[in-house]
C-alpha cells in the first residue's frame, strides 16, 4: 500500500464537503460521506492505477469518482498525493490550475 499525502487544497476541499453535507443533511450523512471519500483514498493507495487518467493535466493526474466527487491524485512508487477533491459538477479544469 502506498503512503497517502493529502495536499492542503484537498484538505480544505474535504472540510468544505463535510460542512456542506452536515449543514444540508446532518451529522450521520456527513460522516458517512467522509468515510466513503476516505475509502476511495484507500482504494487508490492499494491500487493506484484504479483511477482514470485525467487528460487535461500536464502533471499526470488521475481521478477516481466517488459518489458525486472526483478525487484527483498522482502517484509514484512509494506514495500518492491527493491533489483535490471536487464535485463532479464543477469546472475542474479551472480548479486544477
N, C-alpha and C. Protein backbone atom coordinates (compact mmCIF):
# COMPACT_ATOMS: atom_id res chain seq x y z
N UNK A 1 0.84 -1.18 0.00
CA UNK A 1 0.00 0.00 0.00
C UNK A 1 0.89 1.24 0.00
N UNK A 2 0.52 2.21 -0.84
CA UNK A 2 1.27 3.46 -0.92
C UNK A 2 0.93 4.37 0.26
N UNK A 3 1.88 5.19 0.63
CA UNK A 3 1.65 6.22 1.64
C UNK A 3 0.83 7.34 1.00
N UNK A 4 -0.20 7.79 1.69
CA UNK A 4 -1.07 8.85 1.17
C UNK A 4 -0.68 10.19 1.79
N UNK A 5 -0.54 11.20 0.94
CA UNK A 5 -0.33 12.58 1.37
C UNK A 5 -1.48 13.41 0.83
N UNK A 6 -2.18 14.09 1.71
CA UNK A 6 -3.30 14.94 1.30
C UNK A 6 -2.78 16.38 1.25
N UNK A 7 -2.79 16.94 0.06
CA UNK A 7 -2.30 18.31 -0.14
C UNK A 7 -3.25 19.30 0.57
N UNK A 8 -2.76 20.49 0.93
CA UNK A 8 -3.59 21.46 1.65
C UNK A 8 -4.91 21.81 0.96
N UNK A 9 -4.90 21.97 -0.36
CA UNK A 9 -6.16 22.29 -1.05
C UNK A 9 -7.15 21.14 -0.95
N UNK A 10 -6.66 19.92 -0.98
CA UNK A 10 -7.54 18.75 -0.84
C UNK A 10 -8.09 18.67 0.59
N UNK A 11 -7.26 19.01 1.58
CA UNK A 11 -7.74 19.06 2.97
C UNK A 11 -8.88 20.06 3.10
N UNK A 12 -8.69 21.23 2.51
CA UNK A 12 -9.74 22.25 2.53
C UNK A 12 -10.99 21.77 1.81
N UNK A 13 -10.82 21.10 0.67
CA UNK A 13 -11.96 20.53 -0.05
C UNK A 13 -12.74 19.58 0.86
N UNK A 14 -12.03 18.69 1.55
CA UNK A 14 -12.69 17.72 2.42
C UNK A 14 -13.44 18.40 3.57
N UNK A 15 -12.84 19.44 4.13
CA UNK A 15 -13.51 20.19 5.19
C UNK A 15 -14.79 20.84 4.67
N UNK A 16 -14.72 21.45 3.50
CA UNK A 16 -15.89 22.12 2.93
C UNK A 16 -16.98 21.12 2.57
N UNK A 17 -16.60 19.97 2.06
CA UNK A 17 -17.57 18.92 1.73
C UNK A 17 -18.28 18.46 3.00
N UNK A 18 -17.50 18.27 4.06
CA UNK A 18 -18.08 17.84 5.33
C UNK A 18 -19.07 18.88 5.86
N UNK A 19 -18.65 20.13 5.89
CA UNK A 19 -19.52 21.19 6.42
C UNK A 19 -20.79 21.36 5.59
N UNK A 20 -20.67 21.32 4.28
CA UNK A 20 -21.84 21.44 3.41
C UNK A 20 -22.80 20.28 3.67
N UNK A 21 -22.27 19.06 3.71
CA UNK A 21 -23.11 17.89 3.92
C UNK A 21 -23.75 17.92 5.31
N UNK A 22 -22.98 18.32 6.31
CA UNK A 22 -23.51 18.43 7.67
C UNK A 22 -24.66 19.43 7.73
N UNK A 23 -24.46 20.60 7.15
CA UNK A 23 -25.49 21.64 7.20
C UNK A 23 -26.74 21.28 6.41
N UNK A 24 -26.58 20.55 5.32
CA UNK A 24 -27.71 20.21 4.47
C UNK A 24 -28.40 18.90 4.86
N UNK A 25 -27.60 17.91 5.30
CA UNK A 25 -28.15 16.56 5.52
C UNK A 25 -27.94 16.01 6.92
N UNK A 26 -27.13 16.68 7.74
CA UNK A 26 -26.94 16.22 9.12
C UNK A 26 -25.65 15.46 9.35
N UNK A 27 -25.40 15.20 10.63
CA UNK A 27 -24.15 14.58 11.07
C UNK A 27 -23.95 13.18 10.49
N UNK A 28 -24.97 12.35 10.56
CA UNK A 28 -24.83 10.97 10.09
C UNK A 28 -24.42 10.91 8.63
N UNK A 29 -25.08 11.70 7.79
CA UNK A 29 -24.76 11.69 6.36
C UNK A 29 -23.38 12.30 6.10
N UNK A 30 -23.03 13.35 6.84
CA UNK A 30 -21.71 13.98 6.65
C UNK A 30 -20.60 12.98 6.96
N UNK A 31 -20.74 12.24 8.06
CA UNK A 31 -19.71 11.27 8.42
C UNK A 31 -19.69 10.09 7.47
N UNK A 32 -20.85 9.66 7.01
CA UNK A 32 -20.92 8.56 6.04
C UNK A 32 -20.21 8.96 4.74
N UNK A 33 -20.46 10.18 4.29
CA UNK A 33 -19.86 10.63 3.04
C UNK A 33 -18.35 10.78 3.18
N UNK A 34 -17.88 11.32 4.32
CA UNK A 34 -16.44 11.42 4.54
C UNK A 34 -15.80 10.03 4.55
N UNK A 35 -16.46 9.08 5.19
CA UNK A 35 -15.95 7.71 5.22
C UNK A 35 -15.81 7.16 3.80
N UNK A 36 -16.80 7.42 2.96
CA UNK A 36 -16.76 6.94 1.58
C UNK A 36 -15.61 7.58 0.80
N UNK A 37 -15.37 8.86 1.03
CA UNK A 37 -14.24 9.52 0.36
C UNK A 37 -12.91 8.94 0.84
N UNK A 38 -12.79 8.68 2.14
CA UNK A 38 -11.55 8.09 2.66
C UNK A 38 -11.38 6.65 2.17
N UNK A 39 -12.47 5.92 2.02
CA UNK A 39 -12.39 4.57 1.43
C UNK A 39 -11.86 4.66 0.00
N UNK A 40 -12.30 5.68 -0.73
CA UNK A 40 -11.78 5.89 -2.08
C UNK A 40 -10.29 6.13 -2.07
N UNK A 41 -9.81 6.89 -1.10
CA UNK A 41 -8.38 7.15 -0.99
C UNK A 41 -7.62 5.87 -0.67
N UNK A 42 -8.21 5.01 0.15
CA UNK A 42 -7.57 3.74 0.47
C UNK A 42 -7.53 2.83 -0.77
N UNK A 43 -8.56 2.88 -1.58
CA UNK A 43 -8.55 2.14 -2.85
C UNK A 43 -7.38 2.60 -3.71
N UNK A 44 -7.20 3.91 -3.77
CA UNK A 44 -6.10 4.48 -4.55
C UNK A 44 -4.75 4.02 -3.98
N UNK A 45 -4.62 4.05 -2.66
CA UNK A 45 -3.35 3.64 -2.04
C UNK A 45 -3.03 2.18 -2.33
N UNK A 46 -4.05 1.34 -2.41
CA UNK A 46 -3.85 -0.08 -2.67
C UNK A 46 -3.73 -0.40 -4.15
N UNK A 47 -4.38 0.39 -4.99
CA UNK A 47 -4.38 0.15 -6.45
C UNK A 47 -4.30 1.49 -7.17
N UNK A 48 -3.13 2.09 -7.24
CA UNK A 48 -3.02 3.45 -7.76
C UNK A 48 -3.45 3.63 -9.22
N UNK A 49 -3.54 2.55 -9.97
CA UNK A 49 -3.97 2.66 -11.36
C UNK A 49 -5.48 2.54 -11.52
N UNK A 50 -6.20 2.48 -10.40
CA UNK A 50 -7.66 2.33 -10.43
C UNK A 50 -8.34 3.54 -11.07
N UNK A 51 -7.79 4.72 -10.86
CA UNK A 51 -8.38 5.94 -11.40
C UNK A 51 -8.05 6.12 -12.86
N UNK A 52 -8.94 6.82 -13.53
CA UNK A 52 -8.71 7.12 -14.95
C UNK A 52 -7.73 8.28 -15.07
N UNK A 53 -6.94 8.25 -16.12
CA UNK A 53 -6.02 9.35 -16.40
C UNK A 53 -6.85 10.58 -16.72
N UNK A 54 -6.49 11.71 -16.11
CA UNK A 54 -7.16 12.97 -16.38
C UNK A 54 -6.37 13.65 -17.51
N UNK A 55 -6.93 13.68 -18.73
CA UNK A 55 -6.17 14.11 -19.90
C UNK A 55 -5.87 15.60 -19.98
N UNK A 56 -6.47 16.41 -19.14
CA UNK A 56 -6.32 17.86 -19.23
C UNK A 56 -5.23 18.40 -18.30
N UNK A 57 -4.38 17.52 -17.81
CA UNK A 57 -3.32 17.94 -16.90
C UNK A 57 -1.97 17.48 -17.42
N UNK A 58 -0.99 18.36 -17.34
CA UNK A 58 0.37 18.01 -17.74
C UNK A 58 1.10 17.30 -16.60
N UNK A 59 0.47 17.22 -15.43
CA UNK A 59 1.13 16.66 -14.25
C UNK A 59 0.75 15.19 -14.01
N UNK A 60 0.17 14.56 -15.02
CA UNK A 60 -0.18 13.14 -14.94
C UNK A 60 -1.12 12.82 -13.78
N UNK A 61 -2.15 13.62 -13.65
CA UNK A 61 -3.16 13.34 -12.63
C UNK A 61 -4.05 12.20 -13.06
N UNK A 62 -4.56 11.51 -12.07
CA UNK A 62 -5.62 10.52 -12.26
C UNK A 62 -6.81 10.98 -11.44
N UNK A 63 -7.98 10.41 -11.75
CA UNK A 63 -9.18 10.78 -10.99
C UNK A 63 -9.98 9.53 -10.69
N UNK A 64 -10.55 9.52 -9.49
CA UNK A 64 -11.44 8.45 -9.07
C UNK A 64 -12.76 9.07 -8.68
N UNK A 65 -13.84 8.58 -9.27
CA UNK A 65 -15.17 9.09 -8.99
C UNK A 65 -15.73 8.37 -7.76
N UNK A 66 -16.07 9.13 -6.73
CA UNK A 66 -16.68 8.59 -5.52
C UNK A 66 -17.96 9.38 -5.30
N UNK A 67 -19.09 8.72 -5.48
CA UNK A 67 -20.39 9.39 -5.43
C UNK A 67 -20.40 10.58 -6.38
N UNK A 68 -20.56 11.79 -5.86
CA UNK A 68 -20.63 12.98 -6.71
C UNK A 68 -19.32 13.77 -6.71
N UNK A 69 -18.26 13.17 -6.19
CA UNK A 69 -16.97 13.86 -6.13
C UNK A 69 -15.89 13.11 -6.89
N UNK A 70 -14.92 13.87 -7.34
CA UNK A 70 -13.76 13.32 -8.04
C UNK A 70 -12.53 13.54 -7.17
N UNK A 71 -11.83 12.47 -6.90
CA UNK A 71 -10.57 12.57 -6.16
C UNK A 71 -9.46 12.61 -7.22
N UNK A 72 -8.75 13.73 -7.27
CA UNK A 72 -7.64 13.89 -8.20
C UNK A 72 -6.34 13.59 -7.46
N UNK A 73 -5.50 12.79 -8.07
CA UNK A 73 -4.26 12.37 -7.42
C UNK A 73 -3.18 12.07 -8.44
N UNK A 74 -1.97 11.96 -7.93
CA UNK A 74 -0.84 11.44 -8.72
C UNK A 74 -0.04 10.54 -7.79
N UNK A 75 0.69 9.62 -8.38
CA UNK A 75 1.40 8.66 -7.54
C UNK A 75 2.79 8.36 -8.09
N UNK A 76 3.60 7.85 -7.18
CA UNK A 76 4.92 7.37 -7.52
C UNK A 76 5.02 5.93 -7.00
N UNK A 77 6.19 5.37 -6.98
CA UNK A 77 6.35 4.01 -6.48
C UNK A 77 6.08 3.91 -4.98
N UNK A 78 6.34 4.98 -4.25
CA UNK A 78 6.23 4.94 -2.79
C UNK A 78 5.01 5.64 -2.22
N UNK A 79 4.47 6.62 -2.95
CA UNK A 79 3.43 7.45 -2.33
C UNK A 79 2.39 7.92 -3.34
N UNK A 80 1.35 8.48 -2.77
CA UNK A 80 0.25 9.02 -3.57
C UNK A 80 -0.13 10.38 -2.97
N UNK A 81 -0.23 11.38 -3.83
CA UNK A 81 -0.65 12.72 -3.40
C UNK A 81 -2.09 12.94 -3.83
N UNK A 82 -2.93 13.25 -2.86
CA UNK A 82 -4.31 13.64 -3.16
C UNK A 82 -4.25 15.14 -3.43
N UNK A 83 -4.54 15.53 -4.65
CA UNK A 83 -4.39 16.92 -5.08
C UNK A 83 -5.63 17.74 -4.75
N UNK A 84 -6.79 17.25 -5.15
CA UNK A 84 -8.07 17.95 -4.91
C UNK A 84 -9.17 16.91 -4.79
N UNK A 85 -10.27 17.30 -4.16
CA UNK A 85 -11.50 16.51 -4.10
C UNK A 85 -12.61 17.48 -4.51
N UNK A 86 -13.10 17.32 -5.74
CA UNK A 86 -14.00 18.30 -6.33
C UNK A 86 -15.33 17.67 -6.74
N UNK A 87 -16.39 18.45 -6.59
CA UNK A 87 -17.71 17.98 -7.01
C UNK A 87 -17.72 17.80 -8.53
N UNK A 88 -18.41 16.78 -8.99
CA UNK A 88 -18.37 16.48 -10.43
C UNK A 88 -19.10 17.50 -11.30
N UNK A 89 -19.83 18.43 -10.69
CA UNK A 89 -20.49 19.49 -11.47
C UNK A 89 -19.61 20.73 -11.64
N UNK A 90 -18.47 20.77 -10.95
CA UNK A 90 -17.58 21.93 -11.03
C UNK A 90 -16.79 21.94 -12.33
N UNK A 91 -16.30 23.12 -12.67
CA UNK A 91 -15.36 23.26 -13.78
C UNK A 91 -13.99 22.87 -13.21
N UNK A 92 -13.69 21.58 -13.27
CA UNK A 92 -12.49 21.09 -12.61
C UNK A 92 -11.21 21.60 -13.26
N UNK A 93 -11.23 21.88 -14.54
CA UNK A 93 -10.02 22.40 -15.19
C UNK A 93 -9.54 23.68 -14.52
N UNK A 94 -10.47 24.56 -14.21
CA UNK A 94 -10.10 25.83 -13.57
C UNK A 94 -9.58 25.60 -12.15
N UNK A 95 -10.14 24.64 -11.45
CA UNK A 95 -9.74 24.36 -10.06
C UNK A 95 -8.37 23.68 -9.97
N UNK A 96 -7.96 23.03 -11.06
CA UNK A 96 -6.69 22.30 -11.04
C UNK A 96 -5.51 23.12 -11.54
N UNK A 97 -5.75 24.34 -11.95
CA UNK A 97 -4.65 25.19 -12.44
C UNK A 97 -3.72 25.58 -11.31
